Amino acid sequence: MTLEKNKSLKPYNTFGIDVKAQVFCEINSLEDLRAVYQIEGHPKKFFISGGSNMLLTRDIDALVLHINLKGIEVVSEDDDEVVIKVMAGENWHAMVLWSLEQGYGGLENLSLIPGNTGTAPIQNIGAYGVELKDVFRSCEAFDIKAQAIRTFTKEECQFGYRDSYFKNEGKGEYVIISVCLKLTKKNHRLNTSYGSIEEELKNNAVILPTIKDVSEAVIAIRKRKLPDPKELGNSGSFFKNPVISASKFRTFMKHHPEAPHYKVSENDYKIPAGWLIEQCGFKGKRFGDAGVHKNQALVLVNYGSATGLEILNLATKIMKTVEQRFGIEIIPEVNIIK
């Protein structure tokens, strides 16, 4: 375990923001995690994993711990289902591809989501009609105060739309070290109705899709819509899709009957934030090196040397414009470090 001073975090966040860590340490084992708390002189600690769901707007005046725990194992299985345990530092998409190679179903709609597995429960990641909670069984987390490992059930994680206990009451209290997922081995429950998955499958002449077919369709769609963070700095969808009440929805649709929408419940409707942003004229716009992606207005991008503050200022401008025009508040999905 080595401590490095004044280390650039540019390689550790998908926006490619060049801020510095006062002190940096790679955590490759639970022993490293326990040992780092015995080091004197660094009371403030900041955790980073895949860096895919954060916007860094300043240097980090703390000991930055990069969670790099690796490993995937089968915990239990029967003829129909399997439970796998995935360590926090495993790349999410690589793990999804691994599960598909084993013939395990349930993660195919979550293909190509950037980041590492340990941050998935914090965000309750989701895409194309599937969320992590749909396959989640439990997770292990390091209790920072108690210096002990605690297991959280799905109920205890309090999952919501891009939300969880770890973003609210438990924020800053725990470090997720592993995640257990329950996947299918046969009789896979395919979800192809969301977005353009069915159209993609049809274009590929796939009549009876497999889990791999669905994954490949999702990957193709995402590649067309979303930029590769290795080529263009971004953090995927920057904003949550707003959910509005039925009464507000009726008023909204009177003025904007063409707007796409999804019924969440009897009393709630979801409006795509990307559509709202595009209607405000931001899609494809560039402000210095900060901009809105040309193919997906939900995605803010770093064209090279944008600072975190420049991207945050653009996000703030977008949120204000959307609320002024539509009376609908959109909020960031990304964790903003101010």
Protein backbone atom coordinates (compact mmCIF):
# COMPACT_ATOMS: atom_id res chain seq x y z
CA MET A 1 0.00 0.00 0.00
CA THR A 2 1.59 3.24 -1.22
CA LEU A 3 0.61 6.86 -0.57
CA GLU A 4 1.12 9.25 -3.49
CA LYS A 5 1.00 13.03 -3.11
CA ASN A 6 -0.52 15.62 -5.45
CA LYS A 7 -1.79 12.96 -7.86
CA SER A 8 -3.93 13.85 -10.88
CA LEU A 9 -7.39 12.26 -10.83
CA LYS A 10 -7.90 12.73 -14.57
CA PRO A 11 -7.53 8.96 -15.28
CA TYR A 12 -9.94 8.15 -12.46
CA ASN A 13 -13.06 10.04 -13.62
CA THR A 14 -14.84 9.51 -16.93
CA PHE A 15 -15.34 13.26 -17.47
CA GLY A 16 -11.55 13.50 -17.65
CA ILE A 17 -11.45 16.45 -15.25
CA ASP A 18 -7.87 17.23 -14.24
CA VAL A 19 -8.05 17.87 -10.51
CA LYS A 20 -5.50 16.79 -7.93
CA ALA A 21 -5.70 14.52 -4.91
CA GLN A 22 -3.72 15.83 -1.97
CA VAL A 23 -2.83 12.20 -1.17
CA PHE A 24 -3.84 9.08 -3.13
CA CYS A 25 -3.89 5.39 -2.22
CA GLU A 26 -4.92 2.29 -4.18
CA ILE A 27 -7.09 -0.12 -2.17
CA ASN A 28 -6.56 -3.64 -3.53
CA SER A 29 -7.77 -5.68 -0.56
CA LEU A 30 -9.86 -5.48 2.59
CA GLU A 31 -6.60 -5.50 4.50
CA ASP A 32 -5.60 -2.31 2.67
CA LEU A 33 -8.93 -0.73 3.56
CA ARG A 34 -8.55 -1.55 7.25
CA ALA A 35 -4.89 -0.54 7.32
CA VAL A 36 -5.45 2.86 5.76
CA TYR A 37 -7.58 3.83 8.76
CA GLN A 38 -4.62 3.19 11.02
CA ILE A 39 -2.53 5.82 9.23
CA GLU A 40 -2.27 9.05 11.21
CA GLY A 41 -2.43 12.52 9.75
CA HIS A 42 -5.19 11.99 7.18
CA PRO A 43 -8.54 12.43 8.94
CA LYS A 44 -10.40 13.33 5.75
CA LYS A 45 -10.93 10.56 3.21
CA PHE A 46 -12.57 10.56 -0.22
CA PHE A 47 -13.55 7.40 -2.09
CA ILE A 48 -13.44 6.87 -5.81
CA SER A 49 -14.06 3.74 -7.89
CA GLY A 50 -14.84 3.81 -11.61
CA GLY A 51 -15.40 7.58 -11.48
CA SER A 52 -18.30 7.26 -13.90
CA ASN A 53 -21.00 9.03 -11.95
CA MET A 54 -19.25 12.08 -10.56
CA LEU A 55 -18.29 15.58 -11.55
CA LEU A 56 -15.17 16.87 -9.81
CA THR A 57 -15.17 20.66 -9.56
CA ARG A 58 -12.14 21.14 -7.29
CA ASP A 59 -8.96 19.56 -6.00
CA ILE A 60 -9.60 16.98 -3.28
CA ASP A 61 -8.03 18.12 -0.02
CA ALA A 62 -8.11 14.65 1.50
CA LEU A 63 -6.71 11.14 1.27
CA VAL A 64 -8.32 9.76 -1.91
CA LEU A 65 -8.91 6.00 -1.75
CA HIS A 66 -9.34 4.22 -5.08
CA ILE A 67 -11.42 1.08 -4.47
CA ASN A 68 -9.89 -1.61 -6.69
CA LEU A 69 -11.19 -4.84 -5.10
CA LYS A 70 -11.41 -7.63 -7.71
CA GLY A 71 -13.13 -11.00 -8.05
CA ILE A 72 -16.32 -12.76 -9.17
CA GLU A 73 -17.59 -15.98 -7.61
CA VAL A 74 -20.71 -18.16 -7.59
CA VAL A 75 -22.22 -18.11 -4.09
CA SER A 76 -25.10 -20.51 -4.68
CA GLU A 77 -27.12 -22.00 -7.51
CA ASP A 78 -29.85 -24.47 -8.42
CA ASP A 79 -31.26 -25.62 -11.74
CA ASP A 80 -33.01 -22.30 -12.37
CA GLU A 81 -31.03 -19.50 -10.71
CA VAL A 82 -27.56 -18.52 -9.59
CA VAL A 83 -26.28 -15.98 -7.08
CA ILE A 84 -22.95 -14.35 -7.90
CA LYS A 85 -20.77 -12.19 -5.69
CA VAL A 86 -18.94 -9.39 -7.48
CA MET A 87 -16.24 -7.32 -5.83
CA ALA A 88 -16.61 -3.54 -5.96
CA GLY A 89 -13.66 -2.85 -8.27
CA GLU A 90 -14.89 -5.06 -11.11
CA ASN A 91 -15.83 -3.11 -14.24
CA TRP A 92 -19.62 -3.31 -14.59
CA HIS A 93 -19.81 -3.97 -18.34
CA ALA A 94 -17.02 -6.56 -18.25
CA MET A 95 -18.94 -8.35 -15.48
CA VAL A 96 -22.15 -8.25 -17.56
CA LEU A 97 -20.34 -9.82 -20.51
CA TRP A 98 -18.88 -12.47 -18.19
CA SER A 99 -22.38 -13.33 -16.89
CA LEU A 100 -23.70 -13.69 -20.43
CA GLU A 101 -20.83 -16.02 -21.32
CA GLN A 102 -21.90 -18.23 -18.42
CA GLY A 103 -25.47 -18.23 -19.74
CA TYR A 104 -26.78 -16.13 -16.83
CA GLY A 105 -29.67 -13.79 -17.60
CA GLY A 106 -30.91 -10.59 -15.99
CA LEU A 107 -28.17 -8.08 -16.78
CA GLU A 108 -28.45 -7.91 -20.57
CA ASN A 109 -30.40 -4.62 -20.58
CA LEU A 110 -27.72 -3.10 -18.34
CA SER A 111 -24.93 -3.67 -20.87
CA LEU A 112 -22.36 -0.95 -21.56
CA ILE A 113 -23.17 1.12 -18.48
CA PRO A 114 -19.86 2.76 -17.47
CA GLY A 115 -18.29 2.45 -14.06
CA ASN A 116 -17.56 -0.26 -11.51
CA THR A 117 -19.85 -2.65 -9.69
CA GLY A 118 -19.41 -1.14 -6.23
CA THR A 119 -21.14 2.09 -7.17
CA ALA A 120 -24.12 0.35 -8.82
CA PRO A 121 -26.21 0.08 -5.61
CA ILE A 122 -25.58 3.70 -4.67
CA GLN A 123 -27.22 4.87 -7.88
CA ASN A 124 -29.56 1.90 -8.40
CA ILE A 125 -28.31 1.99 -11.99
CA GLY A 126 -30.84 1.28 -14.71
CA ALA A 127 -31.42 1.26 -18.44
CA TYR A 128 -33.97 0.06 -20.98
CA GLY A 129 -36.65 -0.93 -18.49
CA VAL A 130 -34.39 -2.72 -15.98
CA GLU A 131 -32.84 -1.50 -12.72
CA LEU A 132 -30.22 -3.02 -10.47
CA LYS A 133 -32.85 -3.71 -7.82
CA ASP A 134 -34.49 -6.22 -10.19
CA VAL A 135 -31.52 -8.60 -9.83
CA PHE A 136 -30.06 -7.37 -6.54
CA ARG A 137 -29.90 -9.70 -3.55
CA SER A 138 -27.52 -8.01 -1.09
CA CYS A 139 -24.29 -6.09 -0.73
CA GLU A 140 -21.44 -5.96 1.74
CA ALA A 141 -20.29 -2.56 2.95
CA PHE A 142 -17.48 -1.38 5.19
CA ASP A 143 -18.89 0.60 8.10
CA ILE A 144 -16.41 3.47 8.43
CA LYS A 145 -17.21 4.33 12.06
CA ALA A 146 -17.41 0.76 13.34
CA GLN A 147 -14.54 -0.46 11.15
CA ALA A 148 -16.60 -3.57 10.39
CA ILE A 149 -18.33 -5.19 7.45
CA ARG A 150 -22.13 -5.05 7.29
CA THR A 151 -24.47 -6.87 4.91
CA PHE A 152 -27.40 -4.90 3.43
CA THR A 153 -30.50 -6.63 2.08
CA LYS A 154 -32.41 -5.22 -0.87
CA GLU A 155 -35.02 -3.78 1.49
CA GLU A 156 -32.37 -2.09 3.62
CA CYS A 157 -30.88 -0.43 0.53
CA GLN A 158 -34.16 1.49 0.06
CA PHE A 159 -33.86 1.59 -3.71
CA GLY A 160 -35.70 4.28 -5.65
CA TYR A 161 -35.34 5.82 -9.09
CA ARG A 162 -31.56 6.40 -9.30
CA ASP A 163 -31.61 6.51 -5.54
CA SER A 164 -30.75 4.43 -2.47
CA TYR A 165 -30.01 4.52 1.24
CA PHE A 166 -26.36 5.16 0.35
CA LYS A 167 -27.24 8.48 -1.31
CA ASN A 168 -29.29 9.63 1.67
CA GLU A 169 -29.11 8.53 5.32
CA GLY A 170 -26.09 6.33 4.68
CA LYS A 171 -24.13 8.81 2.60
CA GLY A 172 -20.50 8.93 3.66
CA GLU A 173 -21.02 6.21 6.27
CA TYR A 174 -20.19 3.11 4.21
CA VAL A 175 -17.91 1.83 1.45
CA ILE A 176 -19.50 -0.89 -0.68
CA ILE A 177 -17.04 -3.75 -1.12
CA SER A 178 -19.13 -6.41 -2.89
CA VAL A 179 -22.53 -6.98 -4.49
CA CYS A 180 -24.57 -10.20 -4.73
CA LEU A 181 -26.86 -10.59 -7.75
CA LYS A 182 -29.50 -13.26 -8.44
CA LEU A 183 -29.56 -14.23 -12.13
CA THR A 184 -31.46 -16.79 -14.19
CA LYS A 185 -29.92 -19.90 -15.73
CA LYS A 186 -32.92 -20.78 -17.90
CA ASN A 187 -36.40 -19.46 -18.68
CA HIS A 188 -34.89 -15.99 -18.94
CA ARG A 189 -37.36 -13.14 -18.56
CA LEU A 190 -36.43 -10.94 -21.50
CA ASN A 191 -37.42 -7.28 -21.46
CA THR A 192 -37.44 -5.99 -25.04
CA SER A 193 -40.36 -3.56 -24.91
CA TYR A 194 -38.43 -0.51 -23.71
CA GLY A 195 -36.94 2.02 -26.10
CA SER A 196 -35.90 0.72 -29.50
CA ILE A 197 -34.73 -2.78 -28.51
CA GLU A 198 -37.46 -4.54 -30.48
CA GLU A 199 -36.74 -2.43 -33.55
CA GLU A 200 -33.02 -3.19 -33.26
CA LEU A 201 -33.72 -6.92 -33.00
CA LYS A 202 -36.05 -6.75 -35.99
CA ASN A 203 -33.44 -4.93 -38.06
CA ASN A 204 -31.01 -7.72 -37.20
CA ALA A 205 -33.58 -10.34 -38.27
CA VAL A 206 -33.72 -11.77 -34.74
CA ILE A 207 -37.08 -13.47 -34.20
CA LEU A 208 -36.45 -15.46 -31.01
CA PRO A 209 -33.88 -13.37 -29.11
CA THR A 210 -31.44 -14.78 -26.59
CA ILE A 211 -29.98 -12.85 -23.68
CA LYS A 212 -26.89 -12.20 -25.81
CA ASP A 213 -29.07 -10.86 -28.65
CA VAL A 214 -30.72 -8.39 -26.26
CA SER A 215 -27.33 -7.34 -24.90
CA GLU A 216 -25.93 -6.79 -28.39
CA ALA A 217 -29.00 -4.73 -29.31
CA VAL A 218 -28.59 -2.54 -26.21
CA ILE A 219 -24.87 -2.10 -26.90
CA ALA A 220 -25.55 -1.06 -30.51
CA ILE A 221 -28.21 1.46 -29.43
CA ARG A 222 -26.04 2.91 -26.67
CA LYS A 223 -23.02 3.24 -28.99
CA ARG A 224 -25.10 5.24 -31.46
CA LYS A 225 -26.52 7.53 -28.80
CA LEU A 226 -23.78 7.84 -26.22
CA PRO A 227 -20.12 8.84 -26.58
CA ASP A 228 -17.34 6.56 -25.38
CA PRO A 229 -15.77 8.20 -22.27
CA LYS A 230 -12.35 7.07 -23.51
CA GLU A 231 -12.83 9.24 -26.59
CA LEU A 232 -14.98 12.08 -25.24
CA GLY A 233 -15.20 12.83 -21.54
CA ASN A 234 -18.69 12.29 -20.11
CA SER A 235 -20.57 10.62 -17.30
CA GLY A 236 -23.47 9.13 -19.23
CA SER A 237 -26.87 10.60 -18.44
CA PHE A 238 -26.24 13.75 -16.44
CA PHE A 239 -29.87 14.36 -15.43
CA LYS A 240 -32.67 12.24 -14.03
CA ASN A 241 -35.89 11.96 -16.02
CA PRO A 242 -38.42 14.05 -14.06
CA VAL A 243 -41.52 12.39 -12.62
CA ILE A 244 -44.57 14.67 -12.38
CA SER A 245 -48.04 14.30 -10.89
CA ALA A 246 -51.03 13.29 -12.99
CA SER A 247 -52.60 16.74 -12.69
CA LYS A 248 -49.39 18.48 -13.74
CA PHE A 249 -49.02 15.94 -16.54
CA ARG A 250 -52.48 16.75 -17.95
CA THR A 251 -51.66 20.45 -17.99
CA PHE A 252 -48.28 19.79 -19.58
CA MET A 253 -49.77 17.60 -22.34
CA LYS A 254 -52.36 20.24 -23.24
CA HIS A 255 -49.52 22.54 -24.21
CA HIS A 256 -47.14 19.84 -25.49
CA PRO A 257 -49.20 16.94 -26.91
CA GLU A 258 -46.21 15.74 -28.91
CA ALA A 259 -44.06 15.11 -25.84
CA PRO A 260 -42.96 11.51 -25.18
CA HIS A 261 -43.99 10.20 -21.77
CA TYR A 262 -44.22 7.08 -19.63
CA LYS A 263 -46.82 6.20 -17.03
CA VAL A 264 -45.09 5.32 -13.75
CA SER A 265 -48.21 4.85 -11.62
CA GLU A 266 -51.80 6.03 -11.43
CA ASN A 267 -50.60 9.36 -10.09
CA ASP A 268 -47.19 9.82 -11.72
CA TYR A 269 -45.74 10.25 -15.21
CA LYS A 270 -42.15 10.36 -16.41
CA ILE A 271 -41.08 12.90 -19.03
CA PRO A 272 -37.74 12.30 -20.79
CA ALA A 273 -35.32 14.99 -19.64
CA GLY A 274 -33.45 14.66 -22.94
CA TRP A 275 -36.56 15.77 -24.84
CA LEU A 276 -37.06 18.79 -22.56
CA ILE A 277 -33.42 19.82 -22.98
CA GLU A 278 -33.53 19.35 -26.73
CA GLN A 279 -36.65 21.52 -27.00
CA CYS A 280 -34.71 24.26 -25.24
CA GLY A 281 -32.11 24.18 -28.01
CA PHE A 282 -29.16 22.77 -26.08
CA LYS A 283 -28.61 19.54 -28.01
CA GLY A 284 -25.24 19.64 -29.77
CA LYS A 285 -24.36 23.06 -28.35
CA ARG A 286 -20.82 23.76 -27.19
CA PHE A 287 -19.65 26.37 -24.69
CA GLY A 288 -15.87 26.36 -24.83
CA ASP A 289 -14.83 22.78 -24.04
CA ALA A 290 -18.07 22.03 -22.17
CA GLY A 291 -21.03 20.93 -24.24
CA VAL A 292 -24.17 18.87 -24.81
CA HIS A 293 -23.73 15.76 -26.92
CA LYS A 294 -25.02 15.93 -30.50
CA ASN A 295 -26.88 12.60 -30.30
CA GLN A 296 -28.24 12.67 -26.75
CA ALA A 297 -29.16 15.86 -24.91
CA LEU A 298 -29.02 14.07 -21.54
CA VAL A 299 -25.25 13.76 -21.88
CA LEU A 300 -22.89 16.61 -21.02
CA VAL A 301 -19.39 16.27 -22.45
CA ASN A 302 -15.85 17.51 -21.97
CA TYR A 303 -14.31 18.26 -25.36
CA GLY A 304 -10.82 18.40 -23.91
CA SER A 305 -9.91 20.79 -21.15
CA ALA A 306 -13.21 21.83 -19.60
CA THR A 307 -13.14 22.31 -15.85
CA GLY A 308 -15.69 20.76 -13.55
CA LEU A 309 -17.04 24.22 -12.76
CA GLU A 310 -17.59 24.94 -16.47
CA ILE A 311 -19.61 21.75 -16.86
CA LEU A 312 -21.54 22.51 -13.66
CA ASN A 313 -22.33 26.03 -14.91
CA LEU A 314 -23.68 24.54 -18.15
CA ALA A 315 -25.81 22.06 -16.19
CA THR A 316 -27.19 24.89 -14.05
CA LYS A 317 -28.05 26.92 -17.14
CA ILE A 318 -29.88 23.95 -18.65
CA MET A 319 -31.87 23.27 -15.47
CA LYS A 320 -32.96 26.92 -15.17
CA THR A 321 -33.98 27.10 -18.84
CA VAL A 322 -36.04 23.89 -18.68
CA GLU A 323 -37.85 25.05 -15.55
CA GLN A 324 -38.58 28.49 -17.01
CA ARG A 325 -39.98 27.05 -20.23
CA PHE A 326 -41.86 23.96 -18.99
CA GLY A 327 -42.31 24.51 -15.26
CA ILE A 328 -40.60 21.16 -14.70
CA GLU A 329 -37.56 20.73 -12.50
CA ILE A 330 -34.79 18.43 -13.68
CA ILE A 331 -32.03 17.48 -11.30
CA PRO A 332 -28.59 15.90 -11.77
CA GLU A 333 -28.17 12.16 -11.66
CA VAL A 334 -24.42 12.67 -11.34
CA ASN A 335 -22.78 13.15 -7.95
CA ILE A 336 -21.32 16.67 -7.99
CA ILE A 337 -18.26 17.26 -5.80
CA LYS A 338 -18.27 20.99 -4.97
